[in-house]
N, C-alpha and C. Protein backbone atom coordinates (compact mmCIF):
# COMPACT_ATOMS: atom_id res chain seq x y z
N MET A 1 23.55 -58.60 20.73
CA MET A 1 23.54 -58.42 19.30
C MET A 1 22.22 -57.79 18.85
N GLN A 2 21.14 -58.35 19.43
CA GLN A 2 19.82 -57.86 19.08
C GLN A 2 19.67 -56.41 19.55
N ASN A 3 20.15 -56.09 20.77
CA ASN A 3 20.05 -54.74 21.31
C ASN A 3 20.89 -53.76 20.50
N THR A 4 22.05 -54.18 20.02
CA THR A 4 22.91 -53.32 19.23
C THR A 4 22.25 -52.97 17.91
N LYS A 5 21.61 -53.96 17.26
CA LYS A 5 20.92 -53.71 16.00
C LYS A 5 19.76 -52.75 16.21
N LEU A 6 19.00 -52.95 17.28
CA LEU A 6 17.87 -52.08 17.57
C LEU A 6 18.35 -50.67 17.88
N LEU A 7 19.42 -50.54 18.65
CA LEU A 7 19.98 -49.24 18.98
C LEU A 7 20.49 -48.53 17.74
N LEU A 8 21.20 -49.25 16.86
CA LEU A 8 21.71 -48.68 15.62
C LEU A 8 20.57 -48.24 14.71
N THR A 9 19.53 -49.04 14.62
CA THR A 9 18.39 -48.69 13.77
C THR A 9 17.67 -47.46 14.31
N SER A 10 17.46 -47.40 15.61
CA SER A 10 16.75 -46.26 16.19
C SER A 10 17.60 -44.99 16.09
N LEU A 11 18.92 -45.08 16.27
CA LEU A 11 19.78 -43.90 16.10
C LEU A 11 19.79 -43.42 14.65
N THR A 12 19.78 -44.35 13.72
CA THR A 12 19.73 -43.98 12.30
C THR A 12 18.41 -43.28 11.99
N LEU A 13 17.31 -43.80 12.51
CA LEU A 13 16.00 -43.20 12.28
C LEU A 13 15.92 -41.80 12.89
N VAL A 14 16.42 -41.63 14.10
CA VAL A 14 16.43 -40.32 14.76
C VAL A 14 17.32 -39.35 13.96
N GLY A 15 18.44 -39.82 13.47
CA GLY A 15 19.34 -38.99 12.66
C GLY A 15 18.68 -38.54 11.37
N LEU A 16 17.94 -39.43 10.72
CA LEU A 16 17.23 -39.06 9.49
C LEU A 16 16.15 -38.02 9.76
N PHE A 17 15.42 -38.19 10.87
CA PHE A 17 14.40 -37.19 11.21
C PHE A 17 15.04 -35.84 11.52
N ALA A 18 16.19 -35.85 12.17
CA ALA A 18 16.88 -34.60 12.47
C ALA A 18 17.36 -33.92 11.19
N LEU A 19 17.86 -34.71 10.24
CA LEU A 19 18.31 -34.13 8.98
C LEU A 19 17.16 -33.62 8.13
N ALA A 20 15.97 -34.18 8.30
CA ALA A 20 14.82 -33.73 7.51
C ALA A 20 14.46 -32.29 7.84
N GLY A 21 14.73 -31.85 9.04
CA GLY A 21 14.42 -30.48 9.44
C GLY A 21 15.48 -29.48 9.03
N CYS A 22 16.64 -29.94 8.62
CA CYS A 22 17.72 -29.04 8.24
C CYS A 22 17.54 -28.58 6.80
N SER A 23 18.14 -27.46 6.49
CA SER A 23 18.05 -26.97 5.11
C SER A 23 19.32 -27.37 4.37
N PHE A 24 19.12 -27.88 3.19
CA PHE A 24 20.23 -28.26 2.34
C PHE A 24 20.49 -27.17 1.33
N PRO A 25 21.73 -26.94 0.95
CA PRO A 25 22.00 -25.93 -0.07
C PRO A 25 21.36 -26.31 -1.39
N GLY A 26 20.80 -25.31 -2.04
CA GLY A 26 20.19 -25.54 -3.35
C GLY A 26 18.73 -25.94 -3.27
N VAL A 27 18.17 -26.06 -2.06
CA VAL A 27 16.77 -26.40 -1.91
C VAL A 27 15.96 -25.12 -2.03
N TYR A 28 14.91 -25.14 -2.86
CA TYR A 28 14.08 -23.96 -3.08
C TYR A 28 13.22 -23.69 -1.86
N LYS A 29 13.19 -22.45 -1.42
CA LYS A 29 12.32 -22.03 -0.34
C LYS A 29 11.41 -20.93 -0.86
N ILE A 30 10.13 -21.00 -0.53
CA ILE A 30 9.17 -20.06 -1.07
C ILE A 30 9.26 -18.72 -0.35
N ASP A 31 8.78 -17.67 -1.04
CA ASP A 31 8.68 -16.36 -0.44
C ASP A 31 7.39 -16.32 0.38
N ILE A 32 7.47 -15.86 1.59
CA ILE A 32 6.30 -15.78 2.46
C ILE A 32 5.89 -14.32 2.58
N GLN A 33 4.69 -14.00 2.06
CA GLN A 33 4.16 -12.64 2.11
C GLN A 33 2.95 -12.63 3.03
N GLN A 34 2.86 -11.59 3.85
CA GLN A 34 1.71 -11.44 4.73
C GLN A 34 1.32 -9.98 4.81
N GLY A 35 0.02 -9.72 4.93
CA GLY A 35 -0.46 -8.37 5.14
C GLY A 35 -0.91 -7.70 3.85
N ASN A 36 -0.97 -6.36 3.90
CA ASN A 36 -1.41 -5.53 2.78
C ASN A 36 -0.20 -5.06 1.99
N VAL A 37 -0.23 -5.25 0.68
CA VAL A 37 0.83 -4.72 -0.16
C VAL A 37 0.56 -3.23 -0.34
N VAL A 38 1.51 -2.40 0.08
CA VAL A 38 1.40 -0.95 -0.03
C VAL A 38 2.53 -0.47 -0.93
N THR A 39 2.20 0.30 -1.95
CA THR A 39 3.21 0.83 -2.85
C THR A 39 3.29 2.35 -2.70
N GLN A 40 4.35 2.92 -3.23
CA GLN A 40 4.53 4.37 -3.19
C GLN A 40 3.45 5.06 -4.01
N ASP A 41 3.01 4.43 -5.10
CA ASP A 41 1.94 5.01 -5.92
C ASP A 41 0.65 5.15 -5.12
N MET A 42 0.36 4.19 -4.27
CA MET A 42 -0.85 4.26 -3.45
C MET A 42 -0.75 5.44 -2.47
N ILE A 43 0.40 5.59 -1.86
CA ILE A 43 0.60 6.68 -0.90
C ILE A 43 0.51 8.03 -1.60
N ASP A 44 1.05 8.13 -2.83
CA ASP A 44 1.02 9.38 -3.57
C ASP A 44 -0.40 9.81 -3.95
N GLN A 45 -1.35 8.87 -4.01
CA GLN A 45 -2.73 9.21 -4.36
C GLN A 45 -3.51 9.76 -3.17
N LEU A 46 -3.02 9.57 -1.96
CA LEU A 46 -3.74 10.04 -0.78
C LEU A 46 -3.61 11.55 -0.64
N ARG A 47 -4.71 12.19 -0.30
CA ARG A 47 -4.74 13.64 -0.11
C ARG A 47 -5.45 13.96 1.21
N PRO A 48 -5.02 15.00 1.90
CA PRO A 48 -5.73 15.41 3.12
C PRO A 48 -7.18 15.76 2.79
N GLY A 49 -8.08 15.35 3.67
CA GLY A 49 -9.50 15.62 3.47
C GLY A 49 -10.26 14.50 2.80
N MET A 50 -9.56 13.44 2.38
CA MET A 50 -10.25 12.30 1.77
C MET A 50 -11.08 11.58 2.83
N THR A 51 -12.19 11.01 2.39
CA THR A 51 -13.03 10.26 3.33
C THR A 51 -12.47 8.86 3.52
N ARG A 52 -12.99 8.16 4.52
CA ARG A 52 -12.55 6.78 4.77
C ARG A 52 -12.84 5.90 3.56
N ARG A 53 -13.93 6.15 2.92
CA ARG A 53 -14.32 5.35 1.75
C ARG A 53 -13.32 5.53 0.60
N GLN A 54 -12.88 6.76 0.37
CA GLN A 54 -11.91 7.03 -0.69
C GLN A 54 -10.56 6.39 -0.35
N VAL A 55 -10.17 6.47 0.91
CA VAL A 55 -8.90 5.86 1.32
C VAL A 55 -8.98 4.35 1.17
N ARG A 56 -10.11 3.76 1.54
CA ARG A 56 -10.27 2.31 1.41
C ARG A 56 -10.23 1.89 -0.06
N PHE A 57 -10.74 2.73 -0.95
CA PHE A 57 -10.70 2.43 -2.38
C PHE A 57 -9.27 2.38 -2.89
N ILE A 58 -8.44 3.28 -2.41
CA ILE A 58 -7.04 3.34 -2.86
C ILE A 58 -6.19 2.27 -2.17
N MET A 59 -6.31 2.17 -0.86
CA MET A 59 -5.40 1.34 -0.07
C MET A 59 -5.92 -0.08 0.19
N GLY A 60 -7.23 -0.29 0.08
CA GLY A 60 -7.80 -1.57 0.46
C GLY A 60 -8.17 -1.56 1.93
N ASN A 61 -8.69 -2.67 2.41
CA ASN A 61 -9.08 -2.77 3.81
C ASN A 61 -7.85 -2.77 4.70
N PRO A 62 -7.93 -2.07 5.84
CA PRO A 62 -6.77 -2.05 6.74
C PRO A 62 -6.58 -3.41 7.39
N LEU A 63 -5.34 -3.74 7.67
CA LEU A 63 -5.05 -4.99 8.36
C LEU A 63 -5.48 -4.91 9.82
N ILE A 64 -5.28 -3.73 10.42
CA ILE A 64 -5.66 -3.54 11.82
C ILE A 64 -6.57 -2.32 11.91
N SER A 65 -7.77 -2.54 12.40
CA SER A 65 -8.70 -1.46 12.70
C SER A 65 -9.00 -1.57 14.19
N ASP A 66 -8.29 -0.80 14.99
CA ASP A 66 -8.30 -0.93 16.44
C ASP A 66 -9.55 -0.31 17.04
N THR A 67 -10.17 -1.00 17.98
CA THR A 67 -11.35 -0.49 18.66
C THR A 67 -11.00 0.70 19.54
N PHE A 68 -9.83 0.67 20.14
CA PHE A 68 -9.43 1.74 21.04
C PHE A 68 -8.90 2.98 20.30
N HIS A 69 -8.50 2.80 19.06
CA HIS A 69 -8.04 3.92 18.22
C HIS A 69 -8.86 3.88 16.93
N ALA A 70 -10.12 4.29 17.02
CA ALA A 70 -11.03 4.19 15.88
C ALA A 70 -10.65 5.14 14.75
N ASP A 71 -9.87 6.16 15.04
CA ASP A 71 -9.48 7.13 14.02
C ASP A 71 -8.17 6.77 13.34
N ARG A 72 -7.67 5.55 13.54
CA ARG A 72 -6.39 5.15 12.94
C ARG A 72 -6.54 3.78 12.28
N TRP A 73 -6.04 3.70 11.05
CA TRP A 73 -5.96 2.43 10.33
C TRP A 73 -4.50 2.08 10.16
N ASP A 74 -4.17 0.81 10.35
CA ASP A 74 -2.79 0.35 10.20
C ASP A 74 -2.71 -0.67 9.07
N TYR A 75 -1.74 -0.45 8.20
CA TYR A 75 -1.46 -1.37 7.11
C TYR A 75 -0.07 -1.94 7.34
N LEU A 76 0.04 -3.25 7.46
CA LEU A 76 1.32 -3.91 7.67
C LEU A 76 1.59 -4.87 6.52
N TYR A 77 2.84 -4.96 6.12
CA TYR A 77 3.24 -5.89 5.07
C TYR A 77 4.58 -6.47 5.45
N SER A 78 4.69 -7.78 5.39
CA SER A 78 5.98 -8.41 5.64
C SER A 78 6.24 -9.45 4.58
N ILE A 79 7.50 -9.60 4.24
CA ILE A 79 7.92 -10.60 3.26
C ILE A 79 9.20 -11.24 3.76
N GLN A 80 9.26 -12.53 3.59
CA GLN A 80 10.47 -13.27 3.92
C GLN A 80 10.89 -14.00 2.66
N PRO A 81 11.76 -13.38 1.85
CA PRO A 81 12.13 -13.99 0.57
C PRO A 81 13.05 -15.20 0.75
N GLY A 82 12.57 -16.36 0.34
CA GLY A 82 13.37 -17.57 0.28
C GLY A 82 14.08 -17.95 1.55
N GLY A 83 13.46 -17.77 2.69
CA GLY A 83 14.08 -18.18 3.94
C GLY A 83 15.10 -17.21 4.49
N THR A 84 15.27 -16.04 3.86
CA THR A 84 16.22 -15.05 4.38
C THR A 84 15.54 -14.22 5.46
N GLN A 85 16.15 -13.11 5.83
CA GLN A 85 15.61 -12.27 6.90
C GLN A 85 14.29 -11.63 6.47
N ARG A 86 13.36 -11.54 7.40
CA ARG A 86 12.04 -10.97 7.13
C ARG A 86 12.12 -9.45 7.06
N LEU A 87 11.47 -8.86 6.04
CA LEU A 87 11.39 -7.42 5.88
C LEU A 87 9.96 -7.00 6.19
N GLN A 88 9.78 -5.87 6.89
CA GLN A 88 8.44 -5.43 7.26
C GLN A 88 8.29 -3.95 6.98
N GLU A 89 7.10 -3.57 6.46
CA GLU A 89 6.77 -2.18 6.21
C GLU A 89 5.45 -1.88 6.90
N ARG A 90 5.31 -0.65 7.39
CA ARG A 90 4.13 -0.26 8.15
C ARG A 90 3.68 1.13 7.72
N VAL A 91 2.36 1.32 7.61
CA VAL A 91 1.78 2.63 7.35
C VAL A 91 0.57 2.78 8.25
N SER A 92 0.49 3.90 8.97
CA SER A 92 -0.67 4.22 9.79
C SER A 92 -1.34 5.45 9.20
N ILE A 93 -2.64 5.35 9.00
CA ILE A 93 -3.42 6.46 8.44
C ILE A 93 -4.34 6.97 9.53
N VAL A 94 -4.36 8.30 9.72
CA VAL A 94 -5.11 8.91 10.81
C VAL A 94 -6.23 9.76 10.22
N PHE A 95 -7.43 9.63 10.82
CA PHE A 95 -8.60 10.40 10.41
C PHE A 95 -9.00 11.33 11.55
N ASP A 96 -9.73 12.41 11.21
CA ASP A 96 -10.25 13.28 12.26
C ASP A 96 -11.66 12.84 12.64
N SER A 97 -12.33 13.64 13.47
CA SER A 97 -13.66 13.26 13.95
C SER A 97 -14.71 13.30 12.84
N ASN A 98 -14.42 13.97 11.72
CA ASN A 98 -15.35 14.02 10.58
C ASN A 98 -15.05 12.94 9.56
N ASP A 99 -14.25 11.94 9.92
CA ASP A 99 -13.86 10.83 9.04
C ASP A 99 -13.14 11.32 7.79
N GLN A 100 -12.27 12.29 7.95
CA GLN A 100 -11.46 12.79 6.84
C GLN A 100 -10.00 12.56 7.18
N LEU A 101 -9.22 12.24 6.13
CA LEU A 101 -7.80 11.95 6.29
C LEU A 101 -7.05 13.20 6.74
N VAL A 102 -6.29 13.07 7.83
CA VAL A 102 -5.51 14.20 8.31
C VAL A 102 -4.01 13.92 8.32
N GLY A 103 -3.60 12.65 8.28
CA GLY A 103 -2.18 12.38 8.28
C GLY A 103 -1.85 10.91 8.14
N LEU A 104 -0.58 10.66 7.89
CA LEU A 104 -0.10 9.28 7.83
C LEU A 104 1.31 9.23 8.38
N ALA A 105 1.66 8.05 8.85
CA ALA A 105 2.99 7.84 9.42
C ALA A 105 3.44 6.44 9.06
N GLY A 106 4.74 6.23 9.05
CA GLY A 106 5.25 4.89 8.79
C GLY A 106 6.45 4.91 7.88
N ASP A 107 6.60 3.85 7.11
CA ASP A 107 7.78 3.66 6.28
C ASP A 107 7.70 4.36 4.94
N PHE A 108 6.54 4.87 4.56
CA PHE A 108 6.39 5.57 3.29
C PHE A 108 6.13 7.04 3.55
N MET A 109 6.65 7.90 2.67
CA MET A 109 6.39 9.33 2.75
C MET A 109 5.78 9.78 1.44
N PRO A 110 4.80 10.68 1.47
CA PRO A 110 4.20 11.14 0.22
C PRO A 110 5.21 11.85 -0.65
N GLY A 111 5.24 11.49 -1.93
CA GLY A 111 6.08 12.17 -2.89
C GLY A 111 7.53 11.75 -2.93
N VAL A 112 7.95 10.83 -2.10
CA VAL A 112 9.34 10.38 -2.09
C VAL A 112 9.36 8.92 -2.50
N SER A 113 9.97 8.64 -3.64
CA SER A 113 10.04 7.24 -4.07
C SER A 113 11.04 6.49 -3.21
N ARG A 114 10.92 5.18 -3.18
CA ARG A 114 11.82 4.36 -2.36
C ARG A 114 13.26 4.49 -2.85
N ASP A 115 13.46 4.59 -4.17
CA ASP A 115 14.81 4.73 -4.71
C ASP A 115 15.45 6.04 -4.25
N GLU A 116 14.67 7.14 -4.29
CA GLU A 116 15.21 8.42 -3.84
C GLU A 116 15.51 8.40 -2.35
N ALA A 117 14.68 7.73 -1.58
CA ALA A 117 14.91 7.67 -0.14
C ALA A 117 16.17 6.87 0.18
N ILE A 118 16.44 5.84 -0.61
CA ILE A 118 17.63 5.02 -0.36
C ILE A 118 18.88 5.70 -0.90
N LEU A 119 18.81 6.20 -2.13
CA LEU A 119 19.99 6.76 -2.77
C LEU A 119 20.20 8.23 -2.49
N GLY A 120 19.18 8.95 -2.08
CA GLY A 120 19.29 10.39 -1.90
C GLY A 120 18.92 11.09 -3.20
N GLN A 121 18.56 12.35 -3.12
CA GLN A 121 18.12 13.10 -4.29
C GLN A 121 19.20 13.17 -5.36
N ASP A 122 20.44 13.47 -4.95
CA ASP A 122 21.53 13.57 -5.92
C ASP A 122 22.43 12.35 -5.91
N GLY A 123 22.01 11.31 -5.17
CA GLY A 123 22.80 10.09 -5.11
C GLY A 123 23.93 10.14 -4.11
N SER A 124 23.99 11.21 -3.28
CA SER A 124 25.12 11.34 -2.37
C SER A 124 24.88 10.63 -1.04
N SER A 125 23.72 10.86 -0.40
CA SER A 125 23.47 10.22 0.88
C SER A 125 21.98 10.08 1.11
N PRO A 126 21.55 9.09 1.92
CA PRO A 126 20.14 8.92 2.19
C PRO A 126 19.51 10.05 2.98
N ALA A 127 20.31 10.82 3.73
CA ALA A 127 19.75 11.88 4.56
C ALA A 127 19.20 13.03 3.72
N VAL A 128 19.60 13.15 2.46
CA VAL A 128 19.16 14.24 1.61
C VAL A 128 17.74 14.02 1.13
N ALA A 129 17.22 12.78 1.23
CA ALA A 129 15.94 12.43 0.61
C ALA A 129 14.73 12.88 1.40
N THR A 130 14.88 13.58 2.53
CA THR A 130 13.71 14.02 3.27
C THR A 130 13.01 15.14 2.52
N PRO A 131 11.66 15.07 2.42
CA PRO A 131 10.94 16.10 1.68
C PRO A 131 10.95 17.43 2.43
N LYS A 132 11.00 18.51 1.69
CA LYS A 132 11.03 19.84 2.28
C LYS A 132 9.62 20.41 2.24
N PRO A 133 9.06 20.76 3.41
CA PRO A 133 7.69 21.27 3.41
C PRO A 133 7.56 22.64 2.77
N SER A 134 8.65 23.38 2.65
CA SER A 134 8.57 24.71 2.07
C SER A 134 8.44 24.68 0.54
N GLU A 135 8.73 23.53 -0.07
CA GLU A 135 8.63 23.46 -1.53
C GLU A 135 7.18 23.43 -1.95
N GLN A 136 6.81 24.28 -2.87
CA GLN A 136 5.45 24.33 -3.39
C GLN A 136 5.43 23.65 -4.75
N PRO A 137 4.34 22.94 -5.08
CA PRO A 137 4.27 22.34 -6.40
C PRO A 137 4.18 23.42 -7.48
N LYS A 138 4.74 23.12 -8.63
CA LYS A 138 4.74 24.08 -9.73
C LYS A 138 3.34 24.24 -10.29
N ALA A 139 3.02 25.46 -10.70
CA ALA A 139 1.72 25.70 -11.33
C ALA A 139 1.70 25.04 -12.71
N GLU A 140 0.53 24.56 -13.08
CA GLU A 140 0.44 23.89 -14.37
C GLU A 140 0.56 24.90 -15.50
N GLU A 141 1.32 24.54 -16.51
CA GLU A 141 1.47 25.40 -17.67
C GLU A 141 0.30 25.16 -18.60
N PRO A 142 -0.17 26.19 -19.31
CA PRO A 142 -1.28 25.97 -20.25
C PRO A 142 -0.81 25.07 -21.38
N PRO A 143 -1.73 24.28 -21.94
CA PRO A 143 -1.33 23.39 -23.03
C PRO A 143 -0.90 24.18 -24.27
N LYS A 144 0.00 23.60 -25.03
CA LYS A 144 0.50 24.25 -26.24
C LYS A 144 -0.61 24.28 -27.30
N PRO A 145 -0.70 25.37 -28.06
CA PRO A 145 -1.74 25.45 -29.09
C PRO A 145 -1.57 24.33 -30.12
N GLY A 146 -2.69 23.69 -30.45
CA GLY A 146 -2.67 22.62 -31.44
C GLY A 146 -2.36 21.25 -30.87
N SER A 147 -2.03 21.17 -29.59
CA SER A 147 -1.71 19.88 -29.00
C SER A 147 -3.00 19.13 -28.65
N LEU A 148 -2.85 17.84 -28.44
CA LEU A 148 -4.00 17.01 -28.10
C LEU A 148 -4.61 17.46 -26.78
N LEU A 149 -3.77 17.84 -25.82
CA LEU A 149 -4.25 18.31 -24.53
C LEU A 149 -5.08 19.59 -24.69
N GLU A 150 -4.66 20.46 -25.59
CA GLU A 150 -5.40 21.70 -25.83
C GLU A 150 -6.75 21.40 -26.48
N LYS A 151 -6.79 20.43 -27.38
CA LYS A 151 -8.05 20.06 -28.03
C LYS A 151 -9.02 19.46 -27.02
N ILE A 152 -8.51 18.61 -26.15
CA ILE A 152 -9.36 18.00 -25.13
C ILE A 152 -9.89 19.07 -24.18
N GLN A 153 -9.04 20.00 -23.77
CA GLN A 153 -9.47 21.07 -22.88
C GLN A 153 -10.52 21.93 -23.55
N HIS A 154 -10.38 22.19 -24.84
CA HIS A 154 -11.36 22.98 -25.59
C HIS A 154 -12.71 22.26 -25.63
N GLU A 155 -12.68 20.94 -25.85
CA GLU A 155 -13.92 20.17 -25.87
C GLU A 155 -14.59 20.17 -24.50
N VAL A 156 -13.80 20.06 -23.45
CA VAL A 156 -14.37 20.05 -22.10
C VAL A 156 -14.98 21.42 -21.78
N ASP A 157 -14.32 22.50 -22.19
CA ASP A 157 -14.83 23.84 -21.90
C ASP A 157 -16.12 24.13 -22.66
N ASN A 158 -16.30 23.55 -23.84
CA ASN A 158 -17.46 23.85 -24.67
C ASN A 158 -18.59 22.83 -24.56
N VAL A 159 -18.56 22.02 -23.55
CA VAL A 159 -19.63 21.03 -23.37
C VAL A 159 -20.90 21.76 -22.94
N GLU A 160 -22.00 21.42 -23.59
CA GLU A 160 -23.28 22.00 -23.22
C GLU A 160 -23.93 21.13 -22.16
N THR A 161 -24.39 21.77 -21.12
CA THR A 161 -25.05 21.02 -20.06
C THR A 161 -26.50 20.77 -20.44
N VAL A 162 -26.96 19.60 -20.14
CA VAL A 162 -28.34 19.23 -20.44
C VAL A 162 -29.04 19.00 -19.11
N PRO A 163 -30.16 19.69 -18.91
CA PRO A 163 -30.85 19.48 -17.63
C PRO A 163 -31.43 18.07 -17.56
N VAL A 164 -31.38 17.52 -16.38
CA VAL A 164 -31.94 16.19 -16.17
C VAL A 164 -33.43 16.34 -15.91
N PRO A 165 -34.25 15.65 -16.70
CA PRO A 165 -35.70 15.80 -16.49
C PRO A 165 -36.11 15.16 -15.16
N THR A 166 -36.99 15.84 -14.47
CA THR A 166 -37.49 15.29 -13.22
C THR A 166 -38.83 14.62 -13.52
N PRO A 167 -39.01 13.42 -13.09
CA PRO A 167 -40.27 12.72 -13.38
C PRO A 167 -41.41 13.33 -12.57
N THR A 168 -42.58 13.32 -13.19
CA THR A 168 -43.75 13.81 -12.46
C THR A 168 -44.24 12.70 -11.55
N PRO A 169 -44.73 13.07 -10.38
CA PRO A 169 -45.18 12.03 -9.46
C PRO A 169 -46.43 11.34 -9.99
N LEU A 170 -46.52 10.06 -9.72
CA LEU A 170 -47.69 9.29 -10.14
C LEU A 170 -48.87 9.62 -9.24
N GLU A 171 -50.00 9.73 -9.89
CA GLU A 171 -51.20 9.99 -9.09
C GLU A 171 -51.76 8.67 -8.62
N THR A 172 -52.05 8.65 -7.36
CA THR A 172 -52.65 7.44 -6.79
C THR A 172 -54.06 7.75 -6.38
N SER A 173 -54.93 6.86 -6.68
CA SER A 173 -56.33 7.08 -6.30
C SER A 173 -56.64 6.25 -5.06
N PRO A 174 -57.43 6.81 -4.17
CA PRO A 174 -57.78 6.05 -2.95
C PRO A 174 -58.67 4.86 -3.30
N GLN A 175 -58.52 3.80 -2.61
CA GLN A 175 -59.32 2.60 -2.92
C GLN A 175 -60.45 2.41 -1.99
């Protein structure tokens, strides 16, 4: 009798511990984020020829700065929303020997928003969303007369430069 009670109690306790590890429906699970948050706006600000310092200002510190690949910075971001499948994004930025940006690779492409990449340019298929290197950006049109942009441009063009005075060196007398 005593052994049966002890066995029943220990099985109940083991069962409760086993159930504590299970997930119950309706239980809130937190979103787990790790790494560097990289947005399309950040990628769109990058230009070839930027220095490491300028890239760090836009993108933040790289998650991985490899000793064996000193000319490459890696930015990784992963999120696991509410216990579902983990999503991961990666961007690698490559510099040349003069510490200037020469390229990037990964899940983001310059000038292509995530919506366009998923839906396609005309909404027909995702394969259409690849950027065409032959497309040239449009030349800027001059501002319309009387517009605020035209007034600002006029003020910038008519700014008078003022020379910066150079201080005279202090004379020191020998002691």
